């Protein structure tokens, strides 16, 4: 996670608060697995962030 809105020594504590896999059935009958995650600001100062994802396949 890449926090934005934090300045200098001010921390922006972002944390994954929930994650799960969901299986979706496509219109053609095939299925795919999706990874869903929820990120929250667990600190007291307002800030936001960006989730940076890499490929899960080799």
C-alpha atoms as a PDB file:
ATOM      1  CA  UNK A   1       0.000   0.000   0.000  1.00  0.00           C
ATOM      2  CA  UNK A   2       1.195   3.450  -0.818  1.00  0.00           C
ATOM      3  CA  UNK A   3      -0.230   6.085   1.552  1.00  0.00           C
ATOM      4  CA  UNK A   4      -0.993   9.609   0.374  1.00  0.00           C
ATOM      5  CA  UNK A   5      -1.741  12.573   2.578  1.00  0.00           C
ATOM      6  CA  UNK A   6       0.929  11.835   5.162  1.00  0.00           C
ATOM      7  CA  UNK A   7       3.551  14.511   5.515  1.00  0.00           C
ATOM      8  CA  UNK A   8       6.963  14.481   7.152  1.00  0.00           C
ATOM      9  CA  UNK A   9       6.890  12.284  10.238  1.00  0.00           C
ATOM     10  CA  UNK A  10       3.115  11.920  10.125  1.00  0.00           C
ATOM     11  CA  UNK A  11       2.144   8.287   9.769  1.00  0.00           C
ATOM     12  CA  UNK A  12      -0.732   7.093   7.621  1.00  0.00           C
ATOM     13  CA  UNK A  13      -1.457   3.644   9.055  1.00  0.00           C
ATOM     14  CA  UNK A  14      -3.283   1.718   6.324  1.00  0.00           C
ATOM     15  CA  UNK A  15      -4.152  -1.908   6.952  1.00  0.00           C
ATOM     16  CA  UNK A  16      -5.913  -4.726   5.124  1.00  0.00           C
ATOM     17  CA  UNK A  17      -9.031  -5.146   7.261  1.00  0.00           C
ATOM     18  CA  UNK A  18     -10.666  -7.952   5.265  1.00  0.00           C
ATOM     19  CA  UNK A  19      -9.670 -10.292   2.452  1.00  0.00           C
ATOM     20  CA  UNK A  20     -11.348 -13.227   0.753  1.00  0.00           C
ATOM     21  CA  UNK A  21     -11.552 -15.240  -2.439  1.00  0.00           C
ATOM     22  CA  UNK A  22     -14.781 -15.395  -4.453  1.00  0.00           C
ATOM     23  CA  UNK A  23     -15.548 -17.766  -7.304  1.00  0.00           C
ATOM     24  CA  UNK A  24     -17.413 -16.104 -10.168  1.00  0.00           C
ATOM     25  CA  UNK A  25     -19.244 -17.973 -12.911  1.00  0.00           C
ATOM     26  CA  UNK A  26     -18.870 -16.298 -16.308  1.00  0.00           C
ATOM     27  CA  UNK A  27     -21.722 -16.132 -18.869  1.00  0.00           C
ATOM     28  CA  UNK A  28     -20.010 -18.878 -20.910  1.00  0.00           C
ATOM     29  CA  UNK A  29     -20.054 -21.262 -17.915  1.00  0.00           C
ATOM     30  CA  UNK A  30     -16.369 -20.991 -17.042  1.00  0.00           C
ATOM     31  CA  UNK A  31     -15.352 -19.892 -13.573  1.00  0.00           C
ATOM     32  CA  UNK A  32     -12.690 -17.612 -12.230  1.00  0.00           C
ATOM     33  CA  UNK A  33     -11.408 -16.844  -8.776  1.00  0.00           C
ATOM     34  CA  UNK A  34     -11.275 -13.241  -7.592  1.00  0.00           C
ATOM     35  CA  UNK A  35      -9.356 -11.883  -4.619  1.00  0.00           C
ATOM     36  CA  UNK A  36     -11.220  -9.126  -2.792  1.00  0.00           C
ATOM     37  CA  UNK A  37      -9.667  -6.968  -0.115  1.00  0.00           C
ATOM     38  CA  UNK A  38     -10.745  -4.055   2.005  1.00  0.00           C
ATOM     39  CA  UNK A  39      -8.174  -1.501   3.126  1.00  0.00           C
ATOM     40  CA  UNK A  40      -8.850   0.916   5.932  1.00  0.00           C
ATOM     41  CA  UNK A  41      -7.158   3.814   7.658  1.00  0.00           C
ATOM     42  CA  UNK A  42      -6.675   2.489  11.185  1.00  0.00           C
ATOM     43  CA  UNK A  43      -5.174   5.740  12.471  1.00  0.00           C
ATOM     44  CA  UNK A  44      -6.789   8.922  13.697  1.00  0.00           C
ATOM     45  CA  UNK A  45      -5.458  11.295  11.029  1.00  0.00           C
ATOM     46  CA  UNK A  46      -7.293  11.545   7.698  1.00  0.00           C
ATOM     47  CA  UNK A  47      -5.363  10.150   4.759  1.00  0.00           C
ATOM     48  CA  UNK A  48      -5.894   7.905   1.760  1.00  0.00           C
ATOM     49  CA  UNK A  49      -3.806   5.506  -0.243  1.00  0.00           C
ATOM     50  CA  UNK A  50      -3.362   3.321  -3.260  1.00  0.00           C
ATOM     51  CA  UNK A  51      -3.161  -0.456  -3.312  1.00  0.00           C
ATOM     52  CA  UNK A  52      -0.397  -1.657  -5.630  1.00  0.00           C
ATOM     53  CA  UNK A  53      -0.908  -5.214  -6.883  1.00  0.00           C
ATOM     54  CA  UNK A  54       1.467  -7.537  -8.669  1.00  0.00           C
ATOM     55  CA  UNK A  55       0.657 -10.586 -10.738  1.00  0.00           C
ATOM     56  CA  UNK A  56      -0.258 -13.731  -8.824  1.00  0.00           C
ATOM     57  CA  UNK A  57       0.650 -16.016 -11.730  1.00  0.00           C
ATOM     58  CA  UNK A  58       4.268 -16.955 -12.488  1.00  0.00           C
END
